[in-house]
PDB file of N, CA and C in Angstrom:
ATOM      1  N   MET A   1      86.630 116.402 111.031  1.00  0.00           N
ATOM      2  CA  MET A   1      85.366 116.590 110.102  1.00  0.00           C
ATOM      3  C   MET A   1      86.288 118.140 109.339  1.00  0.00           C
ATOM      4  N   LYS A   2      85.802 118.125 107.758  1.00  0.00           N
ATOM      5  CA  LYS A   2      86.371 118.672 107.178  1.00  0.00           C
ATOM      6  C   LYS A   2      85.746 119.304 107.077  1.00  0.00           C
ATOM      7  N   TRP A   3      86.214 121.222 106.746  1.00  0.00           N
ATOM      8  CA  TRP A   3      85.698 122.509 106.678  1.00  0.00           C
ATOM      9  C   TRP A   3      85.828 122.990 105.372  1.00  0.00           C
ATOM     10  N   LYS A   4      84.620 123.846 104.388  1.00  0.00           N
ATOM     11  CA  LYS A   4      84.962 124.241 102.900  1.00  0.00           C
ATOM     12  C   LYS A   4      84.216 125.658 103.359  1.00  0.00           C
ATOM     13  N   ILE A   5      85.578 126.713 103.124  1.00  0.00           N
ATOM     14  CA  ILE A   5      84.849 128.081 103.076  1.00  0.00           C
ATOM     15  C   ILE A   5      84.520 128.804 101.264  1.00  0.00           C
ATOM     16  N   ILE A   6      83.636 128.428 101.827  1.00  0.00           N
ATOM     17  CA  ILE A   6      83.136 129.296 100.413  1.00  0.00           C
ATOM     18  C   ILE A   6      82.702 130.769  99.775  1.00  0.00           C
ATOM     19  N   ALA A   7      83.247 131.526  98.808  1.00  0.00           N
ATOM     20  CA  ALA A   7      83.307 132.940  98.852  1.00  0.00           C
ATOM     21  C   ALA A   7      82.682 133.138  97.609  1.00  0.00           C
ATOM     22  N   ASP A   8      81.961 134.457  96.889  1.00  0.00           N
ATOM     23  CA  ASP A   8      81.685 133.938  95.702  1.00  0.00           C
ATOM     24  C   ASP A   8      82.987 135.069  94.761  1.00  0.00           C
ATOM     25  N   SER A   9      83.117 135.311  94.036  1.00  0.00           N
ATOM     26  CA  SER A   9      83.390 136.049  93.237  1.00  0.00           C
ATOM     27  C   SER A   9      83.583 137.462  93.263  1.00  0.00           C
ATOM     28  N   GLY A  10      82.577 138.272  93.843  1.00  0.00           N
ATOM     29  CA  GLY A  10      82.694 139.531  94.231  1.00  0.00           C
ATOM     30  C   GLY A  10      83.630 140.008  95.789  1.00  0.00           C
ATOM     31  N   CYS A  11      84.527 138.282  96.332  1.00  0.00           N
ATOM     32  CA  CYS A  11      84.942 138.668  97.761  1.00  0.00           C
ATOM     33  C   CYS A  11      86.565 139.018  96.874  1.00  0.00           C
ATOM     34  N   ASP A  12      86.589 140.221  98.221  1.00  0.00           N
ATOM     35  CA  ASP A  12      88.537 140.367  97.788  1.00  0.00           C
ATOM     36  C   ASP A  12      88.914 139.602  98.178  1.00  0.00           C
ATOM     37  N   TYR A  13      88.936 138.389  98.863  1.00  0.00           N
ATOM     38  CA  TYR A  13      89.584 137.163  98.917  1.00  0.00           C
ATOM     39  C   TYR A  13      90.051 136.367  97.989  1.00  0.00           C
ATOM     40  N   ARG A  14      91.072 135.645  97.508  1.00  0.00           N
ATOM     41  CA  ARG A  14      90.929 135.082  96.093  1.00  0.00           C
ATOM     42  C   ARG A  14      91.951 133.658  96.664  1.00  0.00           C
ATOM     43  N   SER A  15      92.784 133.988  98.214  1.00  0.00           N
ATOM     44  CA  SER A  15      92.887 132.724  99.052  1.00  0.00           C
ATOM     45  C   SER A  15      92.924 132.626 100.795  1.00  0.00           C
ATOM     46  N   LEU A  16      93.705 132.057 101.338  1.00  0.00           N
ATOM     47  CA  LEU A  16      93.385 132.588 102.772  1.00  0.00           C
ATOM     48  C   LEU A  16      94.824 131.032 103.106  1.00  0.00           C
ATOM     49  N   ASP A  17      95.709 132.296 103.856  1.00  0.00           N
ATOM     50  CA  ASP A  17      96.838 131.466 104.179  1.00  0.00           C
ATOM     51  C   ASP A  17      96.339 130.988 105.300  1.00  0.00           C
ATOM     52  N   ASN A  18      97.247 130.180 105.977  1.00  0.00           N
ATOM     53  CA  ASN A  18      96.573 129.265 107.267  1.00  0.00           C
ATOM     54  C   ASN A  18      96.244 128.648 107.905  1.00  0.00           C
ATOM     55  N   LEU A  19      94.830 127.906 106.882  1.00  0.00           N
ATOM     56  CA  LEU A  19      94.217 127.037 106.981  1.00  0.00           C
ATOM     57  C   LEU A  19      94.300 125.626 107.524  1.00  0.00           C
ATOM     58  N   ALA A  20      93.404 125.682 108.457  1.00  0.00           N
ATOM     59  CA  ALA A  20      94.009 124.662 109.017  1.00  0.00           C
ATOM     60  C   ALA A  20      94.171 123.216 108.064  1.00  0.00           C
ATOM     61  N   PRO A  21      94.509 122.313 108.896  1.00  0.00           N
ATOM     62  CA  PRO A  21      94.904 121.146 107.485  1.00  0.00           C
ATOM     63  C   PRO A  21      93.195 120.534 106.968  1.00  0.00           C
ATOM     64  N   ASP A  22      92.238 120.409 107.685  1.00  0.00           N
ATOM     65  CA  ASP A  22      91.247 119.856 107.798  1.00  0.00           C
ATOM     66  C   ASP A  22      90.447 121.146 106.653  1.00  0.00           C
ATOM     67  N   ALA A  23      90.662 122.413 106.643  1.00  0.00           N
ATOM     68  CA  ALA A  23      89.836 123.343 105.989  1.00  0.00           C
ATOM     69  C   ALA A  23      90.496 123.230 104.482  1.00  0.00           C
ATOM     70  N   GLU A  24      89.462 124.347 103.827  1.00  0.00           N
ATOM     71  CA  GLU A  24      89.231 124.638 102.159  1.00  0.00           C
ATOM     72  C   GLU A  24      89.075 125.480 102.292  1.00  0.00           C
ATOM     73  N   PHE A  25      89.648 126.779 100.825  1.00  0.00           N
ATOM     74  CA  PHE A  25      89.375 127.268 100.216  1.00  0.00           C
ATOM     75  C   PHE A  25      88.692 127.582  98.709  1.00  0.00           C
ATOM     76  N   VAL A  26      87.195 128.085  98.903  1.00  0.00           N
ATOM     77  CA  VAL A  26      86.736 127.616  97.527  1.00  0.00           C
ATOM     78  C   VAL A  26      86.436 129.131  96.994  1.00  0.00           C
ATOM     79  N   SER A  27      86.599 129.669  95.916  1.00  0.00           N
ATOM     80  CA  SER A  27      86.285 130.821  95.435  1.00  0.00           C
ATOM     81  C   SER A  27      84.932 129.974  93.900  1.00  0.00           C
ATOM     82  N   VAL A  28      83.565 130.520  93.633  1.00  0.00           N
ATOM     83  CA  VAL A  28      82.626 130.237  93.023  1.00  0.00           C
ATOM     84  C   VAL A  28      82.440 131.824  92.239  1.00  0.00           C
ATOM     85  N   PRO A  29      81.807 131.590  91.068  1.00  0.00           N
ATOM     86  CA  PRO A  29      81.645 132.608  90.290  1.00  0.00           C
ATOM     87  C   PRO A  29      80.314 133.597  90.875  1.00  0.00           C
ATOM     88  N   LEU A  30      79.950 134.613  90.739  1.00  0.00           N
ATOM     89  CA  LEU A  30      78.613 135.320  91.011  1.00  0.00           C
ATOM     90  C   LEU A  30      78.134 135.086  89.775  1.00  0.00           C
ATOM     91  N   THR A  31      76.639 134.854  89.659  1.00  0.00           N
ATOM     92  CA  THR A  31      76.143 134.623  88.477  1.00  0.00           C
ATOM     93  C   THR A  31      74.875 135.820  88.286  1.00  0.00           C
ATOM     94  N   ILE A  32      74.500 136.682  88.022  1.00  0.00           N
ATOM     95  CA  ILE A  32      73.544 138.139  87.900  1.00  0.00           C
ATOM     96  C   ILE A  32      72.566 137.994  86.773  1.00  0.00           C
ATOM     97  N   GLN A  33      71.330 137.932  87.087  1.00  0.00           N
ATOM     98  CA  GLN A  33      70.057 137.212  85.650  1.00  0.00           C
ATOM     99  C   GLN A  33      69.659 138.529  85.267  1.00  0.00           C
ATOM    100  N   VAL A  34      69.504 138.690  84.440  1.00  0.00           N
ATOM    101  CA  VAL A  34      68.899 139.975  83.729  1.00  0.00           C
ATOM    102  C   VAL A  34      67.722 139.285  83.011  1.00  0.00           C
ATOM    103  N   GLY A  35      67.127 139.846  82.678  1.00  0.00           N
ATOM    104  CA  GLY A  35      65.906 139.119  82.071  1.00  0.00           C
ATOM    105  C   GLY A  35      65.922 137.790  82.257  1.00  0.00           C
ATOM    106  N   GLU A  36      65.490 136.571  80.915  1.00  0.00           N
ATOM    107  CA  GLU A  36      66.262 135.879  80.826  1.00  0.00           C
ATOM    108  C   GLU A  36      67.471 135.129  80.557  1.00  0.00           C
ATOM    109  N   THR A  37      68.983 136.435  80.700  1.00  0.00           N
ATOM    110  CA  THR A  37      70.162 136.267  80.710  1.00  0.00           C
ATOM    111  C   THR A  37      70.663 135.742  81.777  1.00  0.00           C
ATOM    112  N   ILE A  38      71.691 135.026  81.960  1.00  0.00           N
ATOM    113  CA  ILE A  38      72.067 134.697  83.090  1.00  0.00           C
ATOM    114  C   ILE A  38      73.379 135.041  82.707  1.00  0.00           C
ATOM    115  N   TYR A  39      74.328 135.869  83.476  1.00  0.00           N
ATOM    116  CA  TYR A  39      75.212 136.019  83.669  1.00  0.00           C
ATOM    117  C   TYR A  39      76.471 135.417  84.539  1.00  0.00           C
ATOM    118  N   ARG A  40      77.739 135.265  83.846  1.00  0.00           N
ATOM    119  CA  ARG A  40      78.728 133.966  85.008  1.00  0.00           C
ATOM    120  C   ARG A  40      79.843 135.384  85.194  1.00  0.00           C
ATOM    121  N   ASP A  41      80.185 135.984  86.128  1.00  0.00           N
ATOM    122  CA  ASP A  41      81.066 136.413  86.497  1.00  0.00           C
ATOM    123  C   ASP A  41      82.712 135.781  86.739  1.00  0.00           C
ATOM    124  N   ASP A  42      83.165 135.475  85.117  1.00  0.00           N
ATOM    125  CA  ASP A  42      84.277 135.048  84.610  1.00  0.00           C
ATOM    126  C   ASP A  42      85.240 136.017  83.906  1.00  0.00           C
ATOM    127  N   ALA A  43      85.807 134.733  83.007  1.00  0.00           N
ATOM    128  CA  ALA A  43      86.611 135.549  82.163  1.00  0.00           C
ATOM    129  C   ALA A  43      86.324 136.180  80.685  1.00  0.00           C
ATOM    130  N   GLN A  44      85.091 135.279  80.686  1.00  0.00           N
ATOM    131  CA  GLN A  44      84.646 135.650  79.925  1.00  0.00           C
ATOM    132  C   GLN A  44      83.519 136.513  79.681  1.00  0.00           C
ATOM    133  N   LEU A  45      83.487 137.427  80.730  1.00  0.00           N
ATOM    134  CA  LEU A  45      81.523 138.381  81.127  1.00  0.00           C
ATOM    135  C   LEU A  45      81.823 139.328  80.494  1.00  0.00           C
ATOM    136  N   ASN A  46      81.321 139.497  79.569  1.00  0.00           N
ATOM    137  CA  ASN A  46      80.839 140.830  78.676  1.00  0.00           C
ATOM    138  C   ASN A  46      80.328 141.756  79.549  1.00  0.00           C
ATOM    139  N   ILE A  47      80.785 142.876  80.561  1.00  0.00           N
ATOM    140  CA  ILE A  47      80.245 143.674  81.054  1.00  0.00           C
ATOM    141  C   ILE A  47      79.714 144.882  80.153  1.00  0.00           C
ATOM    142  N   ASP A  48      80.175 144.833  78.653  1.00  0.00           N
ATOM    143  CA  ASP A  48      79.558 146.230  78.092  1.00  0.00           C
ATOM    144  C   ASP A  48      77.751 145.511  77.830  1.00  0.00           C
ATOM    145  N   GLN A  49      78.501 144.432  77.856  1.00  0.00           N
ATOM    146  CA  GLN A  49      76.436 144.221  77.275  1.00  0.00           C
ATOM    147  C   GLN A  49      75.486 143.495  78.440  1.00  0.00           C
ATOM    148  N   MET A  50      76.361 142.995  79.340  1.00  0.00           N
ATOM    149  CA  MET A  50      75.265 143.031  80.583  1.00  0.00           C
ATOM    150  C   MET A  50      74.718 144.350  80.689  1.00  0.00           C
ATOM    151  N   MET A  51      76.046 145.392  81.248  1.00  0.00           N
ATOM    152  CA  MET A  51      74.852 147.116  81.374  1.00  0.00           C
ATOM    153  C   MET A  51      73.976 147.192  80.152  1.00  0.00           C
ATOM    154  N   GLU A  52      74.583 147.089  79.502  1.00  0.00           N
ATOM    155  CA  GLU A  52      73.166 147.555  78.273  1.00  0.00           C
ATOM    156  C   GLU A  52      72.106 146.819  78.558  1.00  0.00           C
ATOM    157  N   GLU A  53      72.210 145.525  78.834  1.00  0.00           N
ATOM    158  CA  GLU A  53      70.767 144.771  79.156  1.00  0.00           C
ATOM    159  C   GLU A  53      69.885 145.142  79.993  1.00  0.00           C
ATOM    160  N   MET A  54      70.910 145.473  81.046  1.00  0.00           N
ATOM    161  CA  MET A  54      70.682 145.594  82.804  1.00  0.00           C
ATOM    162  C   MET A  54      69.374 146.362  82.317  1.00  0.00           C
ATOM    163  N   TYR A  55      70.622 148.047  81.478  1.00  0.00           N
ATOM    164  CA  TYR A  55      69.600 149.296  81.206  1.00  0.00           C
ATOM    165  C   TYR A  55      68.265 149.183  80.444  1.00  0.00           C
ATOM    166  N   ALA A  56      68.340 147.998  79.879  1.00  0.00           N
ATOM    167  CA  ALA A  56      67.036 148.390  78.813  1.00  0.00           C
ATOM    168  C   ALA A  56      66.073 147.079  79.537  1.00  0.00           C
ATOM    169  N   THR A  57      66.314 146.565  80.912  1.00  0.00           N
ATOM    170  CA  THR A  57      65.893 145.918  81.276  1.00  0.00           C
ATOM    171  C   THR A  57      64.663 146.755  82.283  1.00  0.00           C
ATOM    172  N   THR A  58      63.530 146.692  82.437  1.00  0.00           N
ATOM    173  CA  THR A  58      62.707 147.213  83.896  1.00  0.00           C
ATOM    174  C   THR A  58      62.519 146.317  84.883  1.00  0.00           C
TER     175      THR A  58
END
């Protein structure tokens, strides 16, 4: 049986050491939806723009 450990980008771990041979660790980007806009936690995330939209949204 194969195992996959999945964590979002908010996790403190970026990799795991000493995994079993049939296990894999994967980090996926967290997404936040503000109104109609979906922000993805990756290198292109404009935090200032996201925060501005969050404060303007009820």
